[in-house]
Amino acid sequence: MKSYSTSELVRSIGEVTHTATTQPVLITHHAKPRYVLMSFERYERMTATPEDPRRVYGAGEAPPELARALLAALDRTIEELASGDGD
């Protein structure tokens, strides 16, 4: 993913938006990732595909059954690493 600072975005808006037509563009502010700029068509494809099983949840937003499964897997991984079986 190509990256531009907010200053570069202001100075080179044409270049940045042109790049965003073919791939998502990372916009940084004070050297930290802040935004992603992408074409509207790509955004629509990302958000309009209900059969896509991938989903992002914020902390505390995951369905309880998913949270339990993730916590159980994490506990198993921690136990394996602690016992040396994770190599």
N, C-alpha and C. Protein backbone atom coordinates (compact mmCIF):
# COMPACT_ATOMS: atom_id res chain seq x y z
N MET A 1 0.85 -1.16 0.00
CA MET A 1 0.00 0.00 0.00
C MET A 1 0.90 1.23 0.00
N LYS A 2 0.61 2.12 -0.92
CA LYS A 2 1.38 3.35 -1.00
C LYS A 2 0.97 4.29 0.15
N SER A 3 1.91 5.07 0.64
CA SER A 3 1.67 5.92 1.80
C SER A 3 2.04 7.36 1.48
N TYR A 4 1.20 8.28 1.97
CA TYR A 4 1.46 9.70 1.83
C TYR A 4 1.20 10.37 3.17
N SER A 5 1.95 11.40 3.47
CA SER A 5 1.67 12.19 4.67
C SER A 5 0.53 13.16 4.35
N THR A 6 -0.07 13.74 5.37
CA THR A 6 -1.13 14.71 5.12
C THR A 6 -0.58 15.92 4.36
N SER A 7 0.67 16.28 4.61
CA SER A 7 1.28 17.39 3.87
C SER A 7 1.40 17.05 2.39
N GLU A 8 1.83 15.81 2.09
CA GLU A 8 1.93 15.38 0.70
C GLU A 8 0.56 15.33 0.05
N LEU A 9 -0.46 14.93 0.81
CA LEU A 9 -1.82 14.91 0.29
C LEU A 9 -2.25 16.29 -0.16
N VAL A 10 -1.98 17.29 0.66
CA VAL A 10 -2.36 18.66 0.33
C VAL A 10 -1.60 19.15 -0.91
N ARG A 11 -0.29 18.86 -0.97
CA ARG A 11 0.55 19.33 -2.09
C ARG A 11 0.29 18.56 -3.37
N SER A 12 -0.06 17.28 -3.26
CA SER A 12 -0.15 16.43 -4.45
C SER A 12 -1.49 15.69 -4.52
N ILE A 13 -2.57 16.41 -4.32
CA ILE A 13 -3.88 15.77 -4.26
C ILE A 13 -4.18 14.97 -5.54
N GLY A 14 -3.76 15.48 -6.68
CA GLY A 14 -4.00 14.78 -7.94
C GLY A 14 -3.30 13.43 -7.98
N GLU A 15 -2.04 13.41 -7.60
CA GLU A 15 -1.27 12.16 -7.59
C GLU A 15 -1.86 11.16 -6.59
N VAL A 16 -2.21 11.67 -5.42
CA VAL A 16 -2.73 10.78 -4.37
C VAL A 16 -4.07 10.18 -4.81
N THR A 17 -4.96 11.00 -5.31
CA THR A 17 -6.27 10.47 -5.73
C THR A 17 -6.14 9.57 -6.94
N HIS A 18 -5.20 9.86 -7.82
CA HIS A 18 -4.97 8.97 -8.96
C HIS A 18 -4.50 7.59 -8.48
N THR A 19 -3.59 7.58 -7.54
CA THR A 19 -3.11 6.31 -6.97
C THR A 19 -4.27 5.57 -6.30
N ALA A 20 -5.14 6.30 -5.61
CA ALA A 20 -6.26 5.69 -4.90
C ALA A 20 -7.28 5.05 -5.85
N THR A 21 -7.23 5.41 -7.13
CA THR A 21 -8.16 4.76 -8.07
C THR A 21 -7.75 3.32 -8.35
N THR A 22 -6.49 2.98 -8.11
CA THR A 22 -6.03 1.62 -8.41
C THR A 22 -5.70 0.80 -7.17
N GLN A 23 -5.50 1.46 -6.03
CA GLN A 23 -5.17 0.75 -4.79
C GLN A 23 -5.46 1.65 -3.60
N PRO A 24 -5.75 1.06 -2.45
CA PRO A 24 -5.93 1.89 -1.25
C PRO A 24 -4.63 2.63 -0.93
N VAL A 25 -4.76 3.82 -0.41
CA VAL A 25 -3.62 4.69 -0.08
C VAL A 25 -3.67 5.00 1.41
N LEU A 26 -2.57 4.80 2.09
CA LEU A 26 -2.45 5.12 3.51
C LEU A 26 -2.09 6.59 3.66
N ILE A 27 -2.82 7.31 4.49
CA ILE A 27 -2.52 8.71 4.79
C ILE A 27 -2.03 8.76 6.23
N THR A 28 -0.83 9.31 6.41
CA THR A 28 -0.25 9.41 7.74
C THR A 28 -0.30 10.85 8.24
N HIS A 29 -0.33 10.98 9.54
CA HIS A 29 -0.29 12.30 10.19
C HIS A 29 0.68 12.19 11.35
N HIS A 30 1.70 13.03 11.34
CA HIS A 30 2.78 12.96 12.34
C HIS A 30 3.39 11.56 12.34
N ALA A 31 3.61 11.02 11.15
CA ALA A 31 4.26 9.72 10.92
C ALA A 31 3.47 8.53 11.46
N LYS A 32 2.19 8.73 11.76
CA LYS A 32 1.36 7.63 12.25
C LYS A 32 0.23 7.37 11.26
N PRO A 33 -0.09 6.12 10.99
CA PRO A 33 -1.21 5.82 10.09
C PRO A 33 -2.51 6.40 10.65
N ARG A 34 -3.25 7.13 9.80
CA ARG A 34 -4.48 7.76 10.27
C ARG A 34 -5.69 7.42 9.40
N TYR A 35 -5.51 7.37 8.08
CA TYR A 35 -6.65 7.22 7.18
C TYR A 35 -6.26 6.31 6.02
N VAL A 36 -7.29 5.76 5.38
CA VAL A 36 -7.09 5.03 4.13
C VAL A 36 -8.01 5.66 3.10
N LEU A 37 -7.45 6.01 1.97
CA LEU A 37 -8.21 6.60 0.87
C LEU A 37 -8.30 5.56 -0.23
N MET A 38 -9.51 5.32 -0.73
CA MET A 38 -9.69 4.33 -1.79
C MET A 38 -10.81 4.80 -2.70
N SER A 39 -10.89 4.16 -3.86
CA SER A 39 -11.95 4.51 -4.79
C SER A 39 -13.30 4.12 -4.19
N PHE A 40 -14.33 4.83 -4.60
CA PHE A 40 -15.66 4.53 -4.12
C PHE A 40 -16.09 3.14 -4.58
N GLU A 41 -15.69 2.76 -5.78
CA GLU A 41 -16.02 1.43 -6.29
C GLU A 41 -15.45 0.34 -5.39
N ARG A 42 -14.21 0.50 -4.96
CA ARG A 42 -13.60 -0.49 -4.06
C ARG A 42 -14.33 -0.51 -2.72
N TYR A 43 -14.65 0.66 -2.21
CA TYR A 43 -15.39 0.75 -0.96
C TYR A 43 -16.74 0.04 -1.08
N GLU A 44 -17.44 0.27 -2.17
CA GLU A 44 -18.73 -0.40 -2.37
C GLU A 44 -18.57 -1.92 -2.40
N ARG A 45 -17.53 -2.40 -3.09
CA ARG A 45 -17.30 -3.86 -3.13
C ARG A 45 -17.03 -4.40 -1.73
N MET A 46 -16.29 -3.65 -0.94
CA MET A 46 -15.97 -4.09 0.42
C MET A 46 -17.21 -4.15 1.31
N THR A 47 -18.08 -3.18 1.16
CA THR A 47 -19.22 -3.07 2.07
C THR A 47 -20.49 -3.71 1.55
N ALA A 48 -20.56 -4.02 0.26
CA ALA A 48 -21.81 -4.52 -0.32
C ALA A 48 -21.81 -6.03 -0.52
N THR A 49 -20.88 -6.74 0.06
CA THR A 49 -20.80 -8.18 -0.13
C THR A 49 -21.23 -8.87 1.16
N PRO A 50 -22.54 -9.10 1.34
CA PRO A 50 -22.99 -9.70 2.58
C PRO A 50 -22.53 -11.14 2.76
N GLU A 51 -22.22 -11.84 1.66
CA GLU A 51 -21.79 -13.23 1.81
C GLU A 51 -20.32 -13.36 2.24
N ASP A 52 -19.60 -12.26 2.28
CA ASP A 52 -18.21 -12.29 2.74
C ASP A 52 -18.21 -12.50 4.26
N PRO A 53 -17.65 -13.61 4.75
CA PRO A 53 -17.72 -13.92 6.18
C PRO A 53 -16.77 -13.10 7.04
N ARG A 54 -15.85 -12.37 6.42
CA ARG A 54 -14.90 -11.60 7.21
C ARG A 54 -15.61 -10.42 7.86
N ARG A 55 -15.23 -10.14 9.10
CA ARG A 55 -15.84 -9.05 9.83
C ARG A 55 -14.84 -8.56 10.86
N VAL A 56 -14.81 -7.28 11.08
CA VAL A 56 -13.94 -6.69 12.10
C VAL A 56 -14.81 -6.22 13.25
N TYR A 57 -14.39 -6.56 14.46
CA TYR A 57 -15.12 -6.13 15.66
C TYR A 57 -14.20 -5.29 16.52
N GLY A 58 -14.75 -4.28 17.14
CA GLY A 58 -14.01 -3.51 18.12
C GLY A 58 -14.03 -4.24 19.45
N ALA A 59 -13.23 -3.76 20.37
CA ALA A 59 -13.19 -4.39 21.70
C ALA A 59 -14.59 -4.39 22.31
N GLY A 60 -15.03 -5.54 22.75
CA GLY A 60 -16.34 -5.66 23.37
C GLY A 60 -17.51 -5.77 22.41
N GLU A 61 -17.26 -5.78 21.09
CA GLU A 61 -18.34 -5.85 20.12
C GLU A 61 -18.58 -7.25 19.55
N ALA A 62 -17.63 -8.15 19.72
CA ALA A 62 -17.76 -9.49 19.13
C ALA A 62 -18.93 -10.23 19.76
N PRO A 63 -19.63 -11.04 18.95
CA PRO A 63 -20.70 -11.86 19.52
C PRO A 63 -20.13 -12.77 20.61
N PRO A 64 -20.90 -13.06 21.65
CA PRO A 64 -20.39 -13.84 22.78
C PRO A 64 -19.78 -15.19 22.37
N GLU A 65 -20.41 -15.90 21.44
CA GLU A 65 -19.87 -17.21 21.05
C GLU A 65 -18.51 -17.07 20.36
N LEU A 66 -18.33 -16.02 19.58
CA LEU A 66 -17.04 -15.78 18.94
C LEU A 66 -16.00 -15.38 19.99
N ALA A 67 -16.37 -14.53 20.91
CA ALA A 67 -15.45 -14.10 21.97
C ALA A 67 -14.99 -15.31 22.79
N ARG A 68 -15.92 -16.20 23.13
CA ARG A 68 -15.56 -17.40 23.90
C ARG A 68 -14.58 -18.27 23.12
N ALA A 69 -14.84 -18.46 21.83
CA ALA A 69 -13.96 -19.30 21.01
C ALA A 69 -12.57 -18.67 20.90
N LEU A 70 -12.52 -17.37 20.72
CA LEU A 70 -11.21 -16.70 20.61
C LEU A 70 -10.44 -16.77 21.92
N LEU A 71 -11.14 -16.56 23.03
CA LEU A 71 -10.47 -16.63 24.32
C LEU A 71 -9.97 -18.04 24.62
N ALA A 72 -10.75 -19.05 24.25
CA ALA A 72 -10.32 -20.44 24.46
C ALA A 72 -9.07 -20.74 23.63
N ALA A 73 -9.06 -20.30 22.38
CA ALA A 73 -7.89 -20.52 21.52
C ALA A 73 -6.68 -19.77 22.07
N LEU A 74 -6.88 -18.57 22.56
CA LEU A 74 -5.79 -17.80 23.14
C LEU A 74 -5.25 -18.49 24.39
N ASP A 75 -6.14 -18.98 25.24
CA ASP A 75 -5.71 -19.71 26.44
C ASP A 75 -4.89 -20.94 26.07
N ARG A 76 -5.32 -21.69 25.04
CA ARG A 76 -4.56 -22.88 24.60
C ARG A 76 -3.18 -22.49 24.11
N THR A 77 -3.11 -21.42 23.35
CA THR A 77 -1.82 -20.96 22.83
C THR A 77 -0.89 -20.55 23.96
N ILE A 78 -1.42 -19.84 24.94
CA ILE A 78 -0.61 -19.42 26.09
C ILE A 78 -0.10 -20.63 26.85
N GLU A 79 -0.98 -21.61 27.06
CA GLU A 79 -0.56 -22.84 27.76
C GLU A 79 0.54 -23.57 26.98
N GLU A 80 0.39 -23.66 25.66
CA GLU A 80 1.41 -24.33 24.83
C GLU A 80 2.74 -23.61 24.92
N LEU A 81 2.70 -22.30 24.84
CA LEU A 81 3.94 -21.53 24.91
C LEU A 81 4.59 -21.65 26.29
N ALA A 82 3.76 -21.65 27.33
CA ALA A 82 4.30 -21.76 28.68
C ALA A 82 4.92 -23.12 28.94
N SER A 83 4.36 -24.17 28.31
CA SER A 83 4.89 -25.52 28.54
C SER A 83 6.00 -25.89 27.56
N GLY A 84 6.24 -25.01 26.58
CA GLY A 84 7.30 -25.29 25.60
C GLY A 84 6.83 -26.13 24.44
N ASP A 85 5.52 -26.42 24.34
CA ASP A 85 4.99 -27.23 23.23
C ASP A 85 4.73 -26.40 21.98
N GLY A 86 4.86 -25.12 22.05
CA GLY A 86 4.54 -24.26 20.92
C GLY A 86 5.64 -24.12 19.90
N ASP A 87 6.74 -24.86 20.03
CA ASP A 87 7.86 -24.72 19.10
C ASP A 87 7.60 -25.43 17.80
